[in-house]
Amino acid sequence: MGAFVISKRFDEYYKFVFTSRKGKAIFTSFRYELKFECEEGIEYFKNAIDTVVFEKVKSAGGKYFFKIILEQTHFATSRKYNTELLLEKGIKEIQNYTHKAEILDFTLNEVVFPE
């Protein structure tokens, strides 16, 4: 199952990353000024997953990525993939696991895995 991981950026804004079952980042959101806006963005995405458009792009360097379009607005951007097949697997992971993905909050700088 995938997960949404909330963290604080270097500029003190918040973002979330959707990670695969293996913990690899699939896409990263844009920045949010407040943490609750970031949480609302995740819920909005989870509820609207059936209407998401995945706009596939090939970079000038030959890498593949996709933009997530939600209600005609660019919502997030995926990581770069070496092949179209891996890109398709990333999209399938989102479609299959978004609705049951948990939310992990790493903004408090607390020890997540104590000794």
N, C-alpha and C. Protein backbone atom coordinates (compact mmCIF):
# COMPACT_ATOMS: atom_id res chain seq x y z
N MET A 1 0.84 -1.17 0.00
CA MET A 1 0.00 0.00 0.00
C MET A 1 0.90 1.24 0.00
N GLY A 2 0.52 2.26 -0.74
CA GLY A 2 1.27 3.51 -0.80
C GLY A 2 0.98 4.36 0.42
N ALA A 3 1.69 5.48 0.51
CA ALA A 3 1.49 6.40 1.63
C ALA A 3 1.71 7.84 1.17
N PHE A 4 1.01 8.75 1.81
CA PHE A 4 1.24 10.17 1.63
C PHE A 4 2.14 10.61 2.78
N VAL A 5 3.28 11.19 2.46
CA VAL A 5 4.24 11.60 3.47
C VAL A 5 4.32 13.12 3.47
N ILE A 6 3.90 13.72 4.58
CA ILE A 6 3.94 15.18 4.73
C ILE A 6 5.27 15.56 5.37
N SER A 7 5.91 16.57 4.80
CA SER A 7 7.17 17.06 5.38
C SER A 7 7.26 18.57 5.18
N LYS A 8 8.22 19.14 5.84
CA LYS A 8 8.46 20.57 5.73
C LYS A 8 9.62 20.78 4.77
N ARG A 9 9.45 21.73 3.86
CA ARG A 9 10.49 22.04 2.90
C ARG A 9 11.53 22.95 3.54
N PHE A 10 12.64 23.13 2.86
CA PHE A 10 13.71 24.00 3.36
C PHE A 10 13.25 25.45 3.54
N ASP A 11 12.22 25.87 2.81
CA ASP A 11 11.73 27.24 2.88
C ASP A 11 10.57 27.40 3.88
N GLU A 12 10.38 26.38 4.73
CA GLU A 12 9.36 26.37 5.78
C GLU A 12 7.94 26.13 5.28
N TYR A 13 7.76 25.86 4.00
CA TYR A 13 6.46 25.48 3.47
C TYR A 13 6.32 23.97 3.61
N TYR A 14 5.09 23.48 3.41
CA TYR A 14 4.81 22.06 3.53
C TYR A 14 4.61 21.46 2.14
N LYS A 15 4.85 20.17 2.05
CA LYS A 15 4.60 19.41 0.82
C LYS A 15 4.23 18.00 1.22
N PHE A 16 3.69 17.26 0.26
CA PHE A 16 3.51 15.83 0.49
C PHE A 16 4.03 15.06 -0.71
N VAL A 17 4.47 13.86 -0.43
CA VAL A 17 4.97 12.96 -1.45
C VAL A 17 4.14 11.70 -1.38
N PHE A 18 3.68 11.21 -2.53
CA PHE A 18 3.01 9.91 -2.56
C PHE A 18 4.09 8.88 -2.84
N THR A 19 4.24 7.91 -1.94
CA THR A 19 5.27 6.90 -2.10
C THR A 19 4.65 5.55 -2.43
N SER A 20 5.43 4.73 -3.12
CA SER A 20 4.98 3.40 -3.50
C SER A 20 5.00 2.47 -2.30
N ARG A 21 4.55 1.26 -2.52
CA ARG A 21 4.57 0.24 -1.47
C ARG A 21 5.99 -0.03 -1.00
N LYS A 22 6.96 0.21 -1.87
CA LYS A 22 8.37 -0.03 -1.53
C LYS A 22 9.04 1.23 -0.96
N GLY A 23 8.28 2.30 -0.80
CA GLY A 23 8.83 3.51 -0.20
C GLY A 23 9.46 4.49 -1.18
N LYS A 24 9.33 4.24 -2.46
CA LYS A 24 9.92 5.12 -3.47
C LYS A 24 8.93 6.23 -3.84
N ALA A 25 9.43 7.46 -3.94
CA ALA A 25 8.56 8.59 -4.28
C ALA A 25 8.00 8.41 -5.69
N ILE A 26 6.69 8.65 -5.84
CA ILE A 26 6.05 8.59 -7.16
C ILE A 26 5.75 10.00 -7.65
N PHE A 27 5.15 10.82 -6.78
CA PHE A 27 4.95 12.22 -7.14
C PHE A 27 5.06 13.10 -5.91
N THR A 28 5.33 14.37 -6.18
CA THR A 28 5.47 15.37 -5.13
C THR A 28 4.49 16.50 -5.40
N SER A 29 3.85 16.94 -4.36
CA SER A 29 2.90 18.05 -4.48
C SER A 29 3.65 19.36 -4.61
N PHE A 30 2.90 20.41 -4.88
CA PHE A 30 3.45 21.75 -4.81
C PHE A 30 3.48 22.16 -3.34
N ARG A 31 4.00 23.31 -3.06
CA ARG A 31 4.13 23.72 -1.66
C ARG A 31 2.83 24.31 -1.12
N TYR A 32 2.68 24.15 0.19
CA TYR A 32 1.54 24.69 0.92
C TYR A 32 2.07 25.54 2.06
N GLU A 33 1.44 26.66 2.31
CA GLU A 33 1.90 27.55 3.38
C GLU A 33 1.61 26.96 4.75
N LEU A 34 0.45 26.31 4.90
CA LEU A 34 0.04 25.76 6.18
C LEU A 34 -0.14 24.25 6.08
N LYS A 35 0.14 23.56 7.19
CA LYS A 35 0.06 22.10 7.17
C LYS A 35 -1.36 21.61 6.91
N PHE A 36 -2.37 22.29 7.46
CA PHE A 36 -3.73 21.82 7.25
C PHE A 36 -4.12 21.94 5.77
N GLU A 37 -3.54 22.89 5.04
CA GLU A 37 -3.80 22.99 3.60
C GLU A 37 -3.21 21.79 2.87
N CYS A 38 -2.08 21.35 3.32
CA CYS A 38 -1.43 20.17 2.76
C CYS A 38 -2.30 18.93 3.00
N GLU A 39 -2.81 18.80 4.22
CA GLU A 39 -3.69 17.68 4.56
C GLU A 39 -4.98 17.73 3.74
N GLU A 40 -5.52 18.93 3.55
CA GLU A 40 -6.71 19.08 2.72
C GLU A 40 -6.42 18.71 1.27
N GLY A 41 -5.23 19.05 0.78
CA GLY A 41 -4.82 18.68 -0.58
C GLY A 41 -4.80 17.18 -0.77
N ILE A 42 -4.32 16.47 0.23
CA ILE A 42 -4.29 15.00 0.17
C ILE A 42 -5.72 14.46 0.10
N GLU A 43 -6.58 14.93 0.99
CA GLU A 43 -7.97 14.45 1.01
C GLU A 43 -8.69 14.78 -0.29
N TYR A 44 -8.44 15.96 -0.81
CA TYR A 44 -9.03 16.38 -2.08
C TYR A 44 -8.59 15.43 -3.19
N PHE A 45 -7.30 15.12 -3.22
CA PHE A 45 -6.78 14.21 -4.24
C PHE A 45 -7.38 12.81 -4.09
N LYS A 46 -7.42 12.32 -2.86
CA LYS A 46 -7.98 10.98 -2.62
C LYS A 46 -9.44 10.88 -3.07
N ASN A 47 -10.20 11.93 -2.82
CA ASN A 47 -11.62 11.92 -3.19
C ASN A 47 -11.85 12.12 -4.68
N ALA A 48 -10.87 12.71 -5.37
CA ALA A 48 -11.04 13.02 -6.79
C ALA A 48 -10.21 12.13 -7.70
N ILE A 49 -9.66 11.04 -7.17
CA ILE A 49 -8.75 10.19 -7.95
C ILE A 49 -9.39 9.70 -9.25
N ASP A 50 -10.69 9.49 -9.27
CA ASP A 50 -11.35 8.99 -10.48
C ASP A 50 -11.41 10.04 -11.59
N THR A 51 -11.17 11.30 -11.27
CA THR A 51 -11.24 12.37 -12.29
C THR A 51 -9.85 12.89 -12.67
N VAL A 52 -8.81 12.32 -12.09
CA VAL A 52 -7.44 12.78 -12.35
C VAL A 52 -7.03 12.46 -13.78
N VAL A 53 -6.34 13.42 -14.40
CA VAL A 53 -5.76 13.20 -15.73
C VAL A 53 -4.24 13.13 -15.55
N PHE A 54 -3.63 12.11 -16.12
CA PHE A 54 -2.18 11.96 -16.07
C PHE A 54 -1.62 12.39 -17.42
N GLU A 55 -0.99 13.53 -17.45
CA GLU A 55 -0.42 14.07 -18.68
C GLU A 55 1.03 13.59 -18.79
N LYS A 56 1.29 12.69 -19.71
CA LYS A 56 2.61 12.08 -19.86
C LYS A 56 3.51 12.99 -20.69
N VAL A 57 4.76 13.13 -20.23
CA VAL A 57 5.72 14.03 -20.86
C VAL A 57 7.07 13.32 -20.97
N LYS A 58 7.79 13.63 -22.04
CA LYS A 58 9.17 13.16 -22.18
C LYS A 58 10.07 14.38 -22.14
N SER A 59 11.02 14.39 -21.22
CA SER A 59 11.90 15.55 -21.06
C SER A 59 12.93 15.59 -22.19
N ALA A 60 13.60 16.71 -22.30
CA ALA A 60 14.63 16.87 -23.32
C ALA A 60 15.77 15.86 -23.11
N GLY A 61 15.96 15.45 -21.87
CA GLY A 61 17.00 14.48 -21.55
C GLY A 61 16.59 13.03 -21.77
N GLY A 62 15.37 12.80 -22.27
CA GLY A 62 14.92 11.45 -22.56
C GLY A 62 14.24 10.74 -21.40
N LYS A 63 14.03 11.42 -20.30
CA LYS A 63 13.33 10.82 -19.16
C LYS A 63 11.83 11.04 -19.31
N TYR A 64 11.07 10.17 -18.67
CA TYR A 64 9.61 10.25 -18.71
C TYR A 64 9.08 10.69 -17.35
N PHE A 65 8.04 11.50 -17.37
CA PHE A 65 7.36 11.88 -16.14
C PHE A 65 5.93 12.24 -16.49
N PHE A 66 5.11 12.45 -15.47
CA PHE A 66 3.74 12.86 -15.74
C PHE A 66 3.35 13.99 -14.81
N LYS A 67 2.43 14.79 -15.31
CA LYS A 67 1.82 15.85 -14.52
C LYS A 67 0.44 15.36 -14.11
N ILE A 68 0.07 15.61 -12.89
CA ILE A 68 -1.26 15.25 -12.41
C ILE A 68 -2.14 16.48 -12.57
N ILE A 69 -3.18 16.34 -13.38
CA ILE A 69 -4.11 17.42 -13.65
C ILE A 69 -5.42 17.11 -12.96
N LEU A 70 -5.87 18.04 -12.14
CA LEU A 70 -7.10 17.89 -11.38
C LEU A 70 -7.96 19.12 -11.65
N GLU A 71 -9.12 18.89 -12.23
CA GLU A 71 -10.03 19.98 -12.59
C GLU A 71 -9.32 21.04 -13.42
N GLN A 72 -8.59 20.60 -14.42
CA GLN A 72 -7.86 21.43 -15.37
C GLN A 72 -6.76 22.27 -14.72
N THR A 73 -6.29 21.85 -13.56
CA THR A 73 -5.22 22.55 -12.86
C THR A 73 -4.08 21.57 -12.59
N HIS A 74 -2.86 22.02 -12.83
CA HIS A 74 -1.67 21.21 -12.56
C HIS A 74 -1.54 21.07 -11.04
N PHE A 75 -1.72 19.85 -10.54
CA PHE A 75 -1.77 19.58 -9.10
C PHE A 75 -0.43 19.10 -8.55
N ALA A 76 0.28 18.26 -9.30
CA ALA A 76 1.55 17.69 -8.83
C ALA A 76 2.33 17.16 -10.02
N THR A 77 3.60 16.83 -9.77
CA THR A 77 4.48 16.30 -10.82
C THR A 77 5.17 15.05 -10.31
N SER A 78 5.28 14.06 -11.18
CA SER A 78 5.92 12.79 -10.79
C SER A 78 7.44 12.92 -10.81
N ARG A 79 8.06 11.89 -10.29
CA ARG A 79 9.51 11.79 -10.41
C ARG A 79 9.84 11.42 -11.86
N LYS A 80 11.08 11.39 -12.21
CA LYS A 80 11.51 11.02 -13.56
C LYS A 80 11.69 9.50 -13.65
N TYR A 81 11.27 8.93 -14.78
CA TYR A 81 11.39 7.49 -15.02
C TYR A 81 12.27 7.26 -16.25
N ASN A 82 12.97 6.13 -16.26
CA ASN A 82 13.83 5.80 -17.40
C ASN A 82 13.05 5.26 -18.59
N THR A 83 11.92 4.59 -18.33
CA THR A 83 11.16 3.99 -19.42
C THR A 83 9.67 4.32 -19.28
N GLU A 84 8.96 4.19 -20.39
CA GLU A 84 7.51 4.39 -20.36
C GLU A 84 6.83 3.34 -19.51
N LEU A 85 7.35 2.12 -19.51
CA LEU A 85 6.76 1.05 -18.71
C LEU A 85 6.80 1.39 -17.22
N LEU A 86 7.92 1.91 -16.74
CA LEU A 86 8.02 2.31 -15.33
C LEU A 86 7.07 3.46 -15.03
N LEU A 87 6.92 4.39 -15.97
CA LEU A 87 5.98 5.48 -15.81
C LEU A 87 4.56 4.94 -15.65
N GLU A 88 4.19 3.99 -16.50
CA GLU A 88 2.86 3.38 -16.42
C GLU A 88 2.65 2.66 -15.09
N LYS A 89 3.70 2.01 -14.60
CA LYS A 89 3.60 1.34 -13.30
C LYS A 89 3.36 2.35 -12.18
N GLY A 90 4.01 3.51 -12.27
CA GLY A 90 3.80 4.56 -11.28
C GLY A 90 2.36 5.05 -11.27
N ILE A 91 1.80 5.23 -12.47
CA ILE A 91 0.41 5.67 -12.58
C ILE A 91 -0.53 4.61 -12.01
N LYS A 92 -0.28 3.35 -12.32
CA LYS A 92 -1.13 2.26 -11.80
C LYS A 92 -1.07 2.20 -10.28
N GLU A 93 0.11 2.42 -9.73
CA GLU A 93 0.27 2.41 -8.27
C GLU A 93 -0.63 3.49 -7.64
N ILE A 94 -0.65 4.66 -8.25
CA ILE A 94 -1.51 5.75 -7.75
C ILE A 94 -2.97 5.34 -7.85
N GLN A 95 -3.37 4.84 -9.01
CA GLN A 95 -4.77 4.48 -9.21
C GLN A 95 -5.22 3.35 -8.28
N ASN A 96 -4.35 2.41 -8.01
CA ASN A 96 -4.72 1.26 -7.20
C ASN A 96 -4.67 1.50 -5.69
N TYR A 97 -3.81 2.40 -5.22
CA TYR A 97 -3.57 2.48 -3.78
C TYR A 97 -3.89 3.82 -3.14
N THR A 98 -4.24 4.83 -3.92
CA THR A 98 -4.52 6.15 -3.33
C THR A 98 -5.64 6.11 -2.31
N HIS A 99 -6.73 5.44 -2.64
CA HIS A 99 -7.91 5.46 -1.76
C HIS A 99 -7.65 4.84 -0.39
N LYS A 100 -6.67 3.95 -0.28
CA LYS A 100 -6.41 3.33 1.02
C LYS A 100 -5.02 3.67 1.59
N ALA A 101 -4.36 4.64 0.99
CA ALA A 101 -3.03 5.05 1.46
C ALA A 101 -3.14 5.79 2.78
N GLU A 102 -2.21 5.51 3.66
CA GLU A 102 -2.19 6.21 4.94
C GLU A 102 -1.42 7.52 4.81
N ILE A 103 -1.59 8.39 5.78
CA ILE A 103 -0.90 9.68 5.80
C ILE A 103 0.12 9.65 6.93
N LEU A 104 1.37 9.90 6.59
CA LEU A 104 2.45 9.94 7.57
C LEU A 104 2.93 11.39 7.70
N ASP A 105 3.00 11.89 8.92
CA ASP A 105 3.38 13.27 9.16
C ASP A 105 4.80 13.32 9.73
N PHE A 106 5.74 13.85 8.95
CA PHE A 106 7.12 13.97 9.39
C PHE A 106 7.50 15.43 9.65
N THR A 107 6.52 16.26 9.98
CA THR A 107 6.78 17.68 10.18
C THR A 107 7.17 18.02 11.61
N LEU A 108 6.98 17.13 12.54
CA LEU A 108 7.23 17.44 13.94
C LEU A 108 8.65 17.15 14.39
N ASN A 109 9.45 16.56 13.51
CA ASN A 109 10.83 16.19 13.81
C ASN A 109 10.94 15.27 15.02
N GLU A 110 9.94 14.46 15.22
CA GLU A 110 9.98 13.51 16.32
C GLU A 110 10.62 12.21 15.83
N VAL A 111 11.14 11.45 16.74
CA VAL A 111 11.73 10.16 16.38
C VAL A 111 10.57 9.22 16.06
N VAL A 112 10.55 8.75 14.82
CA VAL A 112 9.46 7.89 14.38
C VAL A 112 9.69 6.46 14.82
N PHE A 113 10.95 6.02 14.76
CA PHE A 113 11.27 4.64 15.12
C PHE A 113 12.22 4.67 16.32
N PRO A 114 11.66 4.77 17.52
CA PRO A 114 12.53 4.84 18.70
C PRO A 114 13.33 3.56 18.87
N GLU A 115 14.44 3.68 19.57
CA GLU A 115 15.33 2.51 19.76
C GLU A 115 14.69 1.48 20.66
